[in-house]
Amino acid sequence: MRKHRFRNSYFISAVSVSLVLCLIGLECVLLLSAGALITRMRENITVTVVLTKDADSIQCAQLETIFANPQHYSGYTYISAQQALEEHIRSLGEDPTAFLGYNPLSASYEIHPIDAFSHPDSLALMAEQLKAQECVQEVIYPRDLVDLMTSNVHHITFILLIVALVLLLVSMVLIVNTIRLQIYAKRFIINTMTLVGATSWVTRRPFVRRNMLMGFLSGVVALSVLSGVMYYVNEKLGVLLFPLTWQNITFVAVVVLASGLLITLFASLIATGRYIRMDNNSLYEI
């Protein structure tokens, strides 16, 4: 009967720890999703490089060599003067060549800097370097929008980190209390082992081993639940929370499994240490 009761208690503890580790995994997914969203927003910033009227093909090829650098730019598009004119006519409904007699628009490039070069200082430096090119007439990008987005990103990142730390603290408290309640039922066994001369580590070892195994298995269960949820959100709802790269998947798996192992380790040590230090009479008062 006692063995059956212990198994039920162990199973309930494992389920509780799995749910808490799911919460930690969701924290990781939230942070990665926010990071991926911010990266996409920054990489969608368009910088327009307007060319001079006399820019030749050799100068354009030199510019394209610069824009093809994947360490600075994620892509570029060449827009000829004729294409710019056609887009102007479609947008405004008027043809400037009708009253000017010539096309006043110049050819240009639309480039997309990578996330690391989409900050205000980096964009300003990039604009100055491009303006130094002989064939570049002007460099245009939404300066006010970039400043506003950078400010909002800092605030959002700070808020997400605070929320993640609070949720992590709550998760740790829940796991510690769950294991403490589980070990509470074994307090008399711990006291008996102490009375017969068992060292502190010998007394703790079976509880630490058992609960760390529970933490690992709970982490595997939590990762399975998270995988199922993400598959449903991606396949059924068509929402990709964050890029499913090996780096991101490994990060979530390591955080969840490491949290399960470390938190159950420290919770077991703390809980057993409390009952090891208690005398026999105090065990009946709690």
Foldseek 3Di string as FASTA:
>chain_A
DVVVVLVVLLVVLLQLLLVLLLLLLVLLLQLQLLVQVLQVVLQPWKKKWFWDQPDDPVLVVVVVVVLPPVQWFPDKDKAALVNVQVVVCVVVVDHPCVPVVDRPGGIIMITGTGSVQSALVSVVVVQVVSCPRPGTDHMDTDNVVRVVSVVVSVVVSVVSVVVSVVSLVVSLVSSLVSLLVSCLVVLVVLQVCVVVPHDLCSSLVVQLVSQLVSLQVSLVVSLVVVVVVQCCCCVVVVDRSHDPDPVSSVVSSCSSSVCSNVSSNVSSSVSSVVSSPDHPVVSVVD
